[in-house]
Amino acid sequence: MRRKIISTSTSSLYDLHINHNIELIRLRLYINNVEFTDGININAKRLRNLMSNLDSSAVHTAPAPRQEVIDLFNKLYNQGYEEVFITTLSSKMSQSHDIIKNAAAEFQDKMDIYVYDCKELNVCESILALEAAQLSTHEYSMPKIARRLDELRQQHKMLFTVNDLSYLIKNKKLSSTAGFFANIFNIKPILEVTDDGQIVTVQKIRTLDKSLDYIIKGFANCLQNNCFLYALSAGQTELDNYFISRLKKQTKLNNIPILPVSAISLANHGPSGVGLCAFTKEIPHAAQYYR
């Protein structure tokens, strides 16, 4: 039985230089009302340059058009695929999941399409997609693949902070009044992903140093166990290096992978974020690619 694994472009798989056969459903970005296709004519690196050098309005993001998803399914059907397993970014962060699921319903008499809500994005989404691809080679059923991804997702932890709040304010993720006082008092929000896939602020901490220390301490327990730890970067090298040096000093860990956020994520919080993530119990198959 021919099966295809698909992910949404928020997984950043196109930016991670990993060999895989996973197809991507690509979201859209709009900069000064110009449309870009994620991973085709825009990526995180180019977006950072545009956000840093252009006097642009807020960057807006949007799901792939429904017709584009239908065209992809038609292509796979004509190529003889019988099963399609799709990992999407969190349905709480985008309408992509619902659009893909709605399009899949049109093919219920042609192919078996399983649409899986990762309730995550960025590297975690890519790791789940790669896990699905690995399990698929061992002929796991699609429900069994989904159960395995559930197990991995439930042990994933992320803490992230943003040094520059201007993009959160510009994209209306933070009110201008709240942003004004946050800037006055040098407050850095600590973000995490909830179990149901929402990004929420868990702490508001004064000064960058204290926010970075809070993140590192948040992983103290999992560092004692067998875990896969990685840093998440918005691409600001100086901030990344400062965070990693602080992390190494406090944990004595070396060779910590620094992996990029997706362009879609970058569009919402801006180019000055950094964080720490871990799979706290089991090491996923895909960890070998990231080390």
C-alpha atoms as a PDB file:
ATOM      1  CA  MET A   1       0.000   0.000   0.000  1.00  0.00           C
ATOM      2  CA  ARG A   2       1.491   3.333  -1.086  1.00  0.00           C
ATOM      3  CA  ARG A   3       1.549   5.945   1.662  1.00  0.00           C
ATOM      4  CA  LYS A   4       2.684   9.561   1.705  1.00  0.00           C
ATOM      5  CA  ILE A   5       3.711  11.647   4.725  1.00  0.00           C
ATOM      6  CA  ILE A   6       2.948  15.374   4.559  1.00  0.00           C
ATOM      7  CA  SER A   7       3.619  18.235   6.961  1.00  0.00           C
ATOM      8  CA  THR A   8       2.843  21.943   7.027  1.00  0.00           C
ATOM      9  CA  SER A   9       5.729  24.285   6.243  1.00  0.00           C
ATOM     10  CA  THR A  10       5.748  25.575   9.838  1.00  0.00           C
ATOM     11  CA  SER A  11       7.783  22.461  10.615  1.00  0.00           C
ATOM     12  CA  SER A  12      10.813  24.250   9.061  1.00  0.00           C
ATOM     13  CA  LEU A  13      11.836  21.029   7.324  1.00  0.00           C
ATOM     14  CA  TYR A  14      12.991  22.999   4.278  1.00  0.00           C
ATOM     15  CA  ASP A  15      15.422  24.963   6.490  1.00  0.00           C
ATOM     16  CA  LEU A  16      16.930  22.035   8.389  1.00  0.00           C
ATOM     17  CA  HIS A  17      18.941  20.379   5.584  1.00  0.00           C
ATOM     18  CA  ILE A  18      17.661  16.881   6.366  1.00  0.00           C
ATOM     19  CA  ASN A  19      17.095  14.189   3.736  1.00  0.00           C
ATOM     20  CA  HIS A  20      13.443  13.190   3.767  1.00  0.00           C
ATOM     21  CA  ASN A  21      10.520  12.412   1.466  1.00  0.00           C
ATOM     22  CA  ILE A  22       7.964  14.493   3.329  1.00  0.00           C
ATOM     23  CA  GLU A  23       5.858  16.811   1.167  1.00  0.00           C
ATOM     24  CA  LEU A  24       4.966  20.250   2.530  1.00  0.00           C
ATOM     25  CA  ILE A  25       1.737  22.211   2.494  1.00  0.00           C
ATOM     26  CA  ARG A  26       3.102  25.748   2.392  1.00  0.00           C
ATOM     27  CA  LEU A  27       1.573  28.635   4.286  1.00  0.00           C
ATOM     28  CA  ARG A  28       1.598  32.226   3.058  1.00  0.00           C
ATOM     29  CA  LEU A  29       3.209  35.412   4.369  1.00  0.00           C
ATOM     30  CA  TYR A  30       2.190  38.956   3.417  1.00  0.00           C
ATOM     31  CA  ILE A  31       4.717  41.773   3.714  1.00  0.00           C
ATOM     32  CA  ASN A  32       3.470  45.226   2.683  1.00  0.00           C
ATOM     33  CA  ASN A  33       0.589  43.415   0.979  1.00  0.00           C
ATOM     34  CA  VAL A  34       2.940  41.308  -1.169  1.00  0.00           C
ATOM     35  CA  GLU A  35       2.278  37.554  -0.982  1.00  0.00           C
ATOM     36  CA  PHE A  36       5.118  35.102  -0.346  1.00  0.00           C
ATOM     37  CA  THR A  37       4.971  31.308  -0.245  1.00  0.00           C
ATOM     38  CA  ASP A  38       6.738  29.836   2.770  1.00  0.00           C
ATOM     39  CA  GLY A  39       9.890  27.992   1.724  1.00  0.00           C
ATOM     40  CA  ILE A  40       9.579  28.933  -1.961  1.00  0.00           C
ATOM     41  CA  ASN A  41      10.299  32.657  -2.253  1.00  0.00           C
ATOM     42  CA  ILE A  42      10.656  33.379   1.463  1.00  0.00           C
ATOM     43  CA  ASN A  43      12.360  31.606   4.361  1.00  0.00           C
ATOM     44  CA  ALA A  44      13.292  32.569   7.901  1.00  0.00           C
ATOM     45  CA  LYS A  45      16.656  34.049   6.886  1.00  0.00           C
ATOM     46  CA  ARG A  46      15.212  36.251   4.148  1.00  0.00           C
ATOM     47  CA  LEU A  47      12.303  37.272   6.359  1.00  0.00           C
ATOM     48  CA  ARG A  48      14.700  38.362   9.111  1.00  0.00           C
ATOM     49  CA  ASN A  49      16.515  40.588   6.605  1.00  0.00           C
ATOM     50  CA  LEU A  50      13.261  42.111   5.394  1.00  0.00           C
ATOM     51  CA  MET A  51      12.001  42.718   8.913  1.00  0.00           C
ATOM     52  CA  SER A  52      15.303  44.294   9.933  1.00  0.00           C
ATOM     53  CA  ASN A  53      15.938  46.447   6.861  1.00  0.00           C
ATOM     54  CA  LEU A  54      12.525  47.464   5.548  1.00  0.00           C
ATOM     55  CA  ASP A  55      10.103  49.909   7.052  1.00  0.00           C
ATOM     56  CA  SER A  56       7.312  47.379   6.679  1.00  0.00           C
ATOM     57  CA  SER A  57       3.897  47.101   8.194  1.00  0.00           C
ATOM     58  CA  ALA A  58       3.030  44.042  10.271  1.00  0.00           C
ATOM     59  CA  VAL A  59       3.811  40.736   8.594  1.00  0.00           C
ATOM     60  CA  HIS A  60       0.634  38.718   8.183  1.00  0.00           C
ATOM     61  CA  THR A  61       0.409  34.961   7.769  1.00  0.00           C
ATOM     62  CA  ALA A  62      -2.284  32.781   6.216  1.00  0.00           C
ATOM     63  CA  PRO A  63      -2.949  29.089   5.528  1.00  0.00           C
ATOM     64  CA  ALA A  64      -2.375  27.526   2.134  1.00  0.00           C
ATOM     65  CA  PRO A  65      -5.441  28.010  -0.079  1.00  0.00           C
ATOM     66  CA  ARG A  66      -7.934  25.155   0.087  1.00  0.00           C
ATOM     67  CA  GLN A  67      -7.745  24.604  -3.678  1.00  0.00           C
ATOM     68  CA  GLU A  68      -3.985  24.141  -3.427  1.00  0.00           C
ATOM     69  CA  VAL A  69      -4.510  21.377  -0.864  1.00  0.00           C
ATOM     70  CA  ILE A  70      -7.115  19.730  -3.106  1.00  0.00           C
ATOM     71  CA  ASP A  71      -4.711  19.908  -6.058  1.00  0.00           C
ATOM     72  CA  LEU A  72      -2.047  18.176  -3.946  1.00  0.00           C
ATOM     73  CA  PHE A  73      -4.458  15.396  -2.994  1.00  0.00           C
ATOM     74  CA  ASN A  74      -5.450  14.947  -6.643  1.00  0.00           C
ATOM     75  CA  LYS A  75      -1.782  14.675  -7.610  1.00  0.00           C
ATOM     76  CA  LEU A  76      -1.145  12.016  -4.971  1.00  0.00           C
ATOM     77  CA  TYR A  77      -4.250  10.083  -5.979  1.00  0.00           C
ATOM     78  CA  ASN A  78      -3.184  10.113  -9.636  1.00  0.00           C
ATOM     79  CA  GLN A  79       0.268   8.878  -8.558  1.00  0.00           C
ATOM     80  CA  GLY A  80      -1.354   5.851  -6.956  1.00  0.00           C
ATOM     81  CA  TYR A  81      -1.128   6.738  -3.252  1.00  0.00           C
ATOM     82  CA  GLU A  82      -3.746   5.039  -1.103  1.00  0.00           C
ATOM     83  CA  GLU A  83      -2.917   6.480   2.330  1.00  0.00           C
ATOM     84  CA  VAL A  84      -1.824   9.986   3.328  1.00  0.00           C
ATOM     85  CA  PHE A  85      -0.717  10.929   6.849  1.00  0.00           C
ATOM     86  CA  ILE A  86      -0.533  14.683   7.474  1.00  0.00           C
ATOM     87  CA  THR A  87       0.972  16.451  10.476  1.00  0.00           C
ATOM     88  CA  THR A  88      -0.220  20.034  10.863  1.00  0.00           C
ATOM     89  CA  LEU A  89       0.764  22.871  13.131  1.00  0.00           C
ATOM     90  CA  SER A  90      -1.538  23.432  16.079  1.00  0.00           C
ATOM     91  CA  SER A  91      -5.164  24.038  15.142  1.00  0.00           C
ATOM     92  CA  LYS A  92      -5.174  26.692  17.894  1.00  0.00           C
ATOM     93  CA  MET A  93      -2.553  28.725  16.015  1.00  0.00           C
ATOM     94  CA  SER A  94      -3.846  28.500  12.453  1.00  0.00           C
ATOM     95  CA  GLN A  95      -6.842  27.491  10.348  1.00  0.00           C
ATOM     96  CA  SER A  96      -4.544  25.206   8.350  1.00  0.00           C
ATOM     97  CA  HIS A  97      -5.638  22.067  10.198  1.00  0.00           C
ATOM     98  CA  ASP A  98      -9.332  22.707   9.560  1.00  0.00           C
ATOM     99  CA  ILE A  99      -8.788  23.633   5.893  1.00  0.00           C
ATOM    100  CA  ILE A 100      -6.749  20.466   5.272  1.00  0.00           C
ATOM    101  CA  LYS A 101      -9.258  18.275   7.094  1.00  0.00           C
ATOM    102  CA  ASN A 102     -12.120  19.811   5.133  1.00  0.00           C
ATOM    103  CA  ALA A 103     -10.317  19.213   1.835  1.00  0.00           C
ATOM    104  CA  ALA A 104      -9.508  15.631   2.866  1.00  0.00           C
ATOM    105  CA  ALA A 105     -13.223  14.903   3.312  1.00  0.00           C
ATOM    106  CA  GLU A 106     -13.665  15.232  -0.466  1.00  0.00           C
ATOM    107  CA  PHE A 107     -11.324  12.276  -0.981  1.00  0.00           C
ATOM    108  CA  GLN A 108     -12.821   9.848   1.534  1.00  0.00           C
ATOM    109  CA  ASP A 109     -13.902   7.489  -1.280  1.00  0.00           C
ATOM    110  CA  LYS A 110     -10.517   7.680  -3.013  1.00  0.00           C
ATOM    111  CA  MET A 111      -7.798   7.699  -0.346  1.00  0.00           C
ATOM    112  CA  ASP A 112      -7.487   7.206   3.384  1.00  0.00           C
ATOM    113  CA  ILE A 113      -6.255  10.595   4.668  1.00  0.00           C
ATOM    114  CA  TYR A 114      -5.327  11.003   8.343  1.00  0.00           C
ATOM    115  CA  VAL A 115      -4.953  14.633   9.473  1.00  0.00           C
ATOM    116  CA  TYR A 116      -3.000  14.832  12.728  1.00  0.00           C
ATOM    117  CA  ASP A 117      -2.975  17.993  14.871  1.00  0.00           C
ATOM    118  CA  CYS A 118       0.568  18.295  16.286  1.00  0.00           C
ATOM    119  CA  LYS A 119      -0.589  20.989  18.747  1.00  0.00           C
ATOM    120  CA  GLU A 120       2.905  22.379  18.150  1.00  0.00           C
ATOM    121  CA  LEU A 121       4.956  24.062  15.432  1.00  0.00           C
ATOM    122  CA  ASN A 122       8.620  24.659  14.567  1.00  0.00           C
ATOM    123  CA  VAL A 123      11.130  21.899  15.296  1.00  0.00           C
ATOM    124  CA  CYS A 124       8.738  19.819  17.396  1.00  0.00           C
ATOM    125  CA  GLU A 125       6.393  19.575  14.424  1.00  0.00           C
ATOM    126  CA  SER A 126       9.269  18.499  12.178  1.00  0.00           C
ATOM    127  CA  ILE A 127      10.352  15.825  14.662  1.00  0.00           C
ATOM    128  CA  LEU A 128       6.820  14.429  14.799  1.00  0.00           C
ATOM    129  CA  ALA A 129       6.609  14.413  10.998  1.00  0.00           C
ATOM    130  CA  LEU A 130       9.949  12.591  10.734  1.00  0.00           C
ATOM    131  CA  GLU A 131       8.799  10.116  13.390  1.00  0.00           C
ATOM    132  CA  ALA A 132       5.681   9.440  11.313  1.00  0.00           C
ATOM    133  CA  ALA A 133       7.840   8.865   8.235  1.00  0.00           C
ATOM    134  CA  GLN A 134      10.073   6.442  10.143  1.00  0.00           C
ATOM    135  CA  LEU A 135       7.120   4.474  11.533  1.00  0.00           C
ATOM    136  CA  SER A 136       5.562   4.382   8.083  1.00  0.00           C
ATOM    137  CA  THR A 137       8.560   2.435   6.758  1.00  0.00           C
ATOM    138  CA  HIS A 138       7.764  -0.225   9.374  1.00  0.00           C
ATOM    139  CA  GLU A 139       4.166  -0.449   8.135  1.00  0.00           C
ATOM    140  CA  TYR A 140       2.562   0.961  11.268  1.00  0.00           C
ATOM    141  CA  SER A 141      -1.127   1.701  10.769  1.00  0.00           C
ATOM    142  CA  MET A 142      -1.994   5.390  10.673  1.00  0.00           C
ATOM    143  CA  PRO A 143      -3.923   5.302  14.002  1.00  0.00           C
ATOM    144  CA  LYS A 144      -0.909   3.589  15.593  1.00  0.00           C
ATOM    145  CA  ILE A 145       1.394   6.301  14.192  1.00  0.00           C
ATOM    146  CA  ALA A 146      -0.903   8.939  15.685  1.00  0.00           C
ATOM    147  CA  ARG A 147      -0.788   7.274  19.109  1.00  0.00           C
ATOM    148  CA  ARG A 148       3.008   7.237  19.018  1.00  0.00           C
ATOM    149  CA  LEU A 149       3.088  10.927  18.092  1.00  0.00           C
ATOM    150  CA  ASP A 150       0.723  11.646  20.987  1.00  0.00           C
ATOM    151  CA  GLU A 151       3.192   9.973  23.360  1.00  0.00           C
ATOM    152  CA  LEU A 152       6.090  12.069  22.071  1.00  0.00           C
ATOM    153  CA  ARG A 153       4.167  15.330  21.972  1.00  0.00           C
ATOM    154  CA  GLN A 154       2.997  14.949  25.573  1.00  0.00           C
ATOM    155  CA  GLN A 155       6.599  14.833  26.785  1.00  0.00           C
ATOM    156  CA  HIS A 156       7.737  17.870  24.780  1.00  0.00           C
ATOM    157  CA  LYS A 157       8.504  21.045  26.733  1.00  0.00           C
ATOM    158  CA  MET A 158       9.248  24.512  25.383  1.00  0.00           C
ATOM    159  CA  LEU A 159      10.062  27.827  27.045  1.00  0.00           C
ATOM    160  CA  PHE A 160      10.752  30.835  24.832  1.00  0.00           C
ATOM    161  CA  THR A 161      11.383  34.532  25.386  1.00  0.00           C
ATOM    162  CA  VAL A 162      11.380  37.596  23.164  1.00  0.00           C
ATOM    163  CA  ASN A 163      13.889  40.393  23.692  1.00  0.00           C
ATOM    164  CA  ASP A 164      12.154  42.945  21.438  1.00  0.00           C
ATOM    165  CA  LEU A 165       8.393  43.327  21.965  1.00  0.00           C
ATOM    166  CA  SER A 166       7.776  45.619  19.001  1.00  0.00           C
ATOM    167  CA  TYR A 167       6.719  42.820  16.658  1.00  0.00           C
ATOM    168  CA  LEU A 168       4.294  41.350  19.194  1.00  0.00           C
ATOM    169  CA  ILE A 169       2.760  44.818  19.495  1.00  0.00           C
ATOM    170  CA  LYS A 170       2.738  45.390  15.725  1.00  0.00           C
ATOM    171  CA  ASN A 171       1.031  42.025  15.149  1.00  0.00           C
ATOM    172  CA  LYS A 172      -1.467  42.761  17.949  1.00  0.00           C
ATOM    173  CA  LYS A 173      -0.293  39.811  20.041  1.00  0.00           C
ATOM    174  CA  LEU A 174       0.301  42.358  22.800  1.00  0.00           C
ATOM    175  CA  SER A 175      -1.645  45.584  23.272  1.00  0.00           C
ATOM    176  CA  SER A 176       0.231  48.826  22.705  1.00  0.00           C
ATOM    177  CA  THR A 177      -0.482  49.934  26.286  1.00  0.00           C
ATOM    178  CA  ALA A 178       0.817  46.684  27.775  1.00  0.00           C
ATOM    179  CA  GLY A 179       3.788  46.822  25.420  1.00  0.00           C
ATOM    180  CA  PHE A 180       4.591  50.386  26.467  1.00  0.00           C
ATOM    181  CA  PHE A 181       4.784  49.451  30.157  1.00  0.00           C
ATOM    182  CA  ALA A 182       6.633  46.230  29.379  1.00  0.00           C
ATOM    183  CA  ASN A 183       9.291  48.213  27.540  1.00  0.00           C
ATOM    184  CA  ILE A 184       9.475  50.814  30.307  1.00  0.00           C
ATOM    185  CA  PHE A 185      10.151  48.114  32.917  1.00  0.00           C
ATOM    186  CA  ASN A 186      12.282  45.952  30.593  1.00  0.00           C
ATOM    187  CA  ILE A 187       9.875  43.010  30.934  1.00  0.00           C
ATOM    188  CA  LYS A 188      10.476  39.866  28.897  1.00  0.00           C
ATOM    189  CA  PRO A 189       7.542  37.457  28.499  1.00  0.00           C
ATOM    190  CA  ILE A 190       8.175  33.722  28.888  1.00  0.00           C
ATOM    191  CA  LEU A 191       6.073  31.753  26.412  1.00  0.00           C
ATOM    192  CA  GLU A 192       5.114  28.089  26.329  1.00  0.00           C
ATOM    193  CA  VAL A 193       2.754  25.824  24.389  1.00  0.00           C
ATOM    194  CA  THR A 194      -0.161  24.408  26.386  1.00  0.00           C
ATOM    195  CA  ASP A 195      -1.383  20.824  26.151  1.00  0.00           C
ATOM    196  CA  ASP A 196      -4.159  21.901  23.791  1.00  0.00           C
ATOM    197  CA  GLY A 197      -1.741  23.726  21.490  1.00  0.00           C
ATOM    198  CA  GLN A 198      -2.006  27.396  22.453  1.00  0.00           C
ATOM    199  CA  ILE A 199       0.942  29.740  22.968  1.00  0.00           C
ATOM    200  CA  VAL A 200       0.554  31.485  26.313  1.00  0.00           C
ATOM    201  CA  THR A 201       2.616  33.752  28.536  1.00  0.00           C
ATOM    202  CA  VAL A 202       3.562  31.920  31.731  1.00  0.00           C
ATOM    203  CA  GLN A 203       5.788  34.585  33.298  1.00  0.00           C
ATOM    204  CA  LYS A 204       6.758  38.233  32.802  1.00  0.00           C
ATOM    205  CA  ILE A 205      10.285  38.781  34.011  1.00  0.00           C
ATOM    206  CA  ARG A 206      12.362  41.938  34.249  1.00  0.00           C
ATOM    207  CA  THR A 207      15.646  41.869  32.318  1.00  0.00           C
ATOM    208  CA  LEU A 208      16.841  39.448  29.685  1.00  0.00           C
ATOM    209  CA  ASP A 209      19.352  37.731  31.990  1.00  0.00           C
ATOM    210  CA  LYS A 210      16.661  36.776  34.483  1.00  0.00           C
ATOM    211  CA  SER A 211      14.374  35.496  31.751  1.00  0.00           C
ATOM    212  CA  LEU A 212      17.136  33.303  30.309  1.00  0.00           C
ATOM    213  CA  ASP A 213      17.944  31.948  33.777  1.00  0.00           C
ATOM    214  CA  TYR A 214      14.252  31.179  34.339  1.00  0.00           C
ATOM    215  CA  ILE A 215      14.187  29.162  31.108  1.00  0.00           C
ATOM    216  CA  ILE A 216      17.321  27.196  32.027  1.00  0.00           C
ATOM    217  CA  LYS A 217      16.028  26.404  35.519  1.00  0.00           C
ATOM    218  CA  GLY A 218      12.767  25.239  33.960  1.00  0.00           C
ATOM    219  CA  PHE A 219      14.653  22.295  32.439  1.00  0.00           C
ATOM    220  CA  ALA A 220      16.628  21.284  35.533  1.00  0.00           C
ATOM    221  CA  ASN A 221      14.567  18.145  36.178  1.00  0.00           C
ATOM    222  CA  CYS A 222      14.678  16.760  32.645  1.00  0.00           C
ATOM    223  CA  LEU A 223      18.443  17.288  32.436  1.00  0.00           C
ATOM    224  CA  GLN A 224      18.820  14.590  35.070  1.00  0.00           C
ATOM    225  CA  ASN A 225      17.058  12.096  32.795  1.00  0.00           C
ATOM    226  CA  ASN A 226      17.496  10.765  29.297  1.00  0.00           C
ATOM    227  CA  CYS A 227      16.246  13.692  27.202  1.00  0.00           C
ATOM    228  CA  PHE A 228      16.811  15.359  23.854  1.00  0.00           C
ATOM    229  CA  LEU A 229      17.542  19.032  24.508  1.00  0.00           C
ATOM    230  CA  TYR A 230      17.824  21.739  21.870  1.00  0.00           C
ATOM    231  CA  ALA A 231      17.822  25.523  21.694  1.00  0.00           C
ATOM    232  CA  LEU A 232      15.316  27.357  19.538  1.00  0.00           C
ATOM    233  CA  SER A 233      16.569  30.437  17.693  1.00  0.00           C
ATOM    234  CA  ALA A 234      14.950  33.332  15.852  1.00  0.00           C
ATOM    235  CA  GLY A 235      18.290  33.917  14.155  1.00  0.00           C
ATOM    236  CA  GLN A 236      19.908  36.681  16.194  1.00  0.00           C
ATOM    237  CA  THR A 237      23.417  35.209  16.479  1.00  0.00           C
ATOM    238  CA  GLU A 238      24.621  37.447  19.306  1.00  0.00           C
ATOM    239  CA  LEU A 239      21.592  36.559  21.442  1.00  0.00           C
ATOM    240  CA  ASP A 240      21.945  32.854  20.585  1.00  0.00           C
ATOM    241  CA  ASN A 241      25.604  32.790  21.604  1.00  0.00           C
ATOM    242  CA  TYR A 242      24.893  34.636  24.830  1.00  0.00           C
ATOM    243  CA  PHE A 243      22.121  32.211  25.739  1.00  0.00           C
ATOM    244  CA  ILE A 244      24.206  29.126  24.906  1.00  0.00           C
ATOM    245  CA  SER A 245      27.181  30.396  26.920  1.00  0.00           C
ATOM    246  CA  ARG A 246      24.875  30.972  29.880  1.00  0.00           C
ATOM    247  CA  LEU A 247      23.326  27.535  29.400  1.00  0.00           C
ATOM    248  CA  LYS A 248      26.696  25.794  29.252  1.00  0.00           C
ATOM    249  CA  LYS A 249      27.927  27.590  32.351  1.00  0.00           C
ATOM    250  CA  GLN A 250      24.894  26.587  34.407  1.00  0.00           C
ATOM    251  CA  THR A 251      24.420  23.018  33.140  1.00  0.00           C
ATOM    252  CA  LYS A 252      27.948  21.995  32.024  1.00  0.00           C
ATOM    253  CA  LEU A 253      26.362  20.733  28.795  1.00  0.00           C
ATOM    254  CA  ASN A 254      28.170  21.071  25.468  1.00  0.00           C
ATOM    255  CA  ASN A 255      27.156  20.545  21.837  1.00  0.00           C
ATOM    256  CA  ILE A 256      23.615  21.775  22.280  1.00  0.00           C
ATOM    257  CA  PRO A 257      21.936  21.997  18.855  1.00  0.00           C
ATOM    258  CA  ILE A 258      20.607  25.445  17.930  1.00  0.00           C
ATOM    259  CA  LEU A 259      17.647  25.018  15.577  1.00  0.00           C
ATOM    260  CA  PRO A 260      15.680  27.725  13.750  1.00  0.00           C
ATOM    261  CA  VAL A 261      12.086  28.754  14.265  1.00  0.00           C
ATOM    262  CA  SER A 262       9.899  28.750  11.168  1.00  0.00           C
ATOM    263  CA  ALA A 263       9.320  31.834   9.063  1.00  0.00           C
ATOM    264  CA  ILE A 264       5.665  31.758  10.139  1.00  0.00           C
ATOM    265  CA  SER A 265       6.664  31.821  13.802  1.00  0.00           C
ATOM    266  CA  LEU A 266       9.235  34.544  13.154  1.00  0.00           C
ATOM    267  CA  ALA A 267       6.573  36.686  11.470  1.00  0.00           C
ATOM    268  CA  ASN A 268       4.534  36.756  14.671  1.00  0.00           C
ATOM    269  CA  HIS A 269       7.133  37.331  17.394  1.00  0.00           C
ATOM    270  CA  GLY A 270       9.986  38.977  15.480  1.00  0.00           C
ATOM    271  CA  PRO A 271      13.695  38.221  15.034  1.00  0.00           C
ATOM    272  CA  SER A 272      14.890  38.498  18.635  1.00  0.00           C
ATOM    273  CA  GLY A 273      13.593  35.359  20.340  1.00  0.00           C
ATOM    274  CA  VAL A 274      15.416  32.439  21.904  1.00  0.00           C
ATOM    275  CA  GLY A 275      14.305  29.421  23.864  1.00  0.00           C
ATOM    276  CA  LEU A 276      14.901  25.909  25.066  1.00  0.00           C
ATOM    277  CA  CYS A 277      13.016  22.734  24.204  1.00  0.00           C
ATOM    278  CA  ALA A 278      13.256  19.084  25.192  1.00  0.00           C
ATOM    279  CA  PHE A 279      11.666  15.713  24.755  1.00  0.00           C
ATOM    280  CA  THR A 280      11.872  14.860  28.418  1.00  0.00           C
ATOM    281  CA  LYS A 281      11.594  11.067  28.540  1.00  0.00           C
ATOM    282  CA  GLU A 282      12.161   9.272  25.260  1.00  0.00           C
ATOM    283  CA  ILE A 283      14.512  10.395  22.532  1.00  0.00           C
ATOM    284  CA  PRO A 284      12.662  10.541  19.199  1.00  0.00           C
ATOM    285  CA  HIS A 285      14.087   8.850  16.134  1.00  0.00           C
ATOM    286  CA  ALA A 286      14.675  12.211  14.420  1.00  0.00           C
ATOM    287  CA  ALA A 287      17.042  13.418  17.159  1.00  0.00           C
ATOM    288  CA  GLN A 288      19.910  11.777  15.261  1.00  0.00           C
ATOM    289  CA  TYR A 289      19.491  14.318  12.437  1.00  0.00           C
ATOM    290  CA  TYR A 290      19.598  17.329  14.727  1.00  0.00           C
ATOM    291  CA  ARG A 291      22.695  16.395  16.691  1.00  0.00           C
END
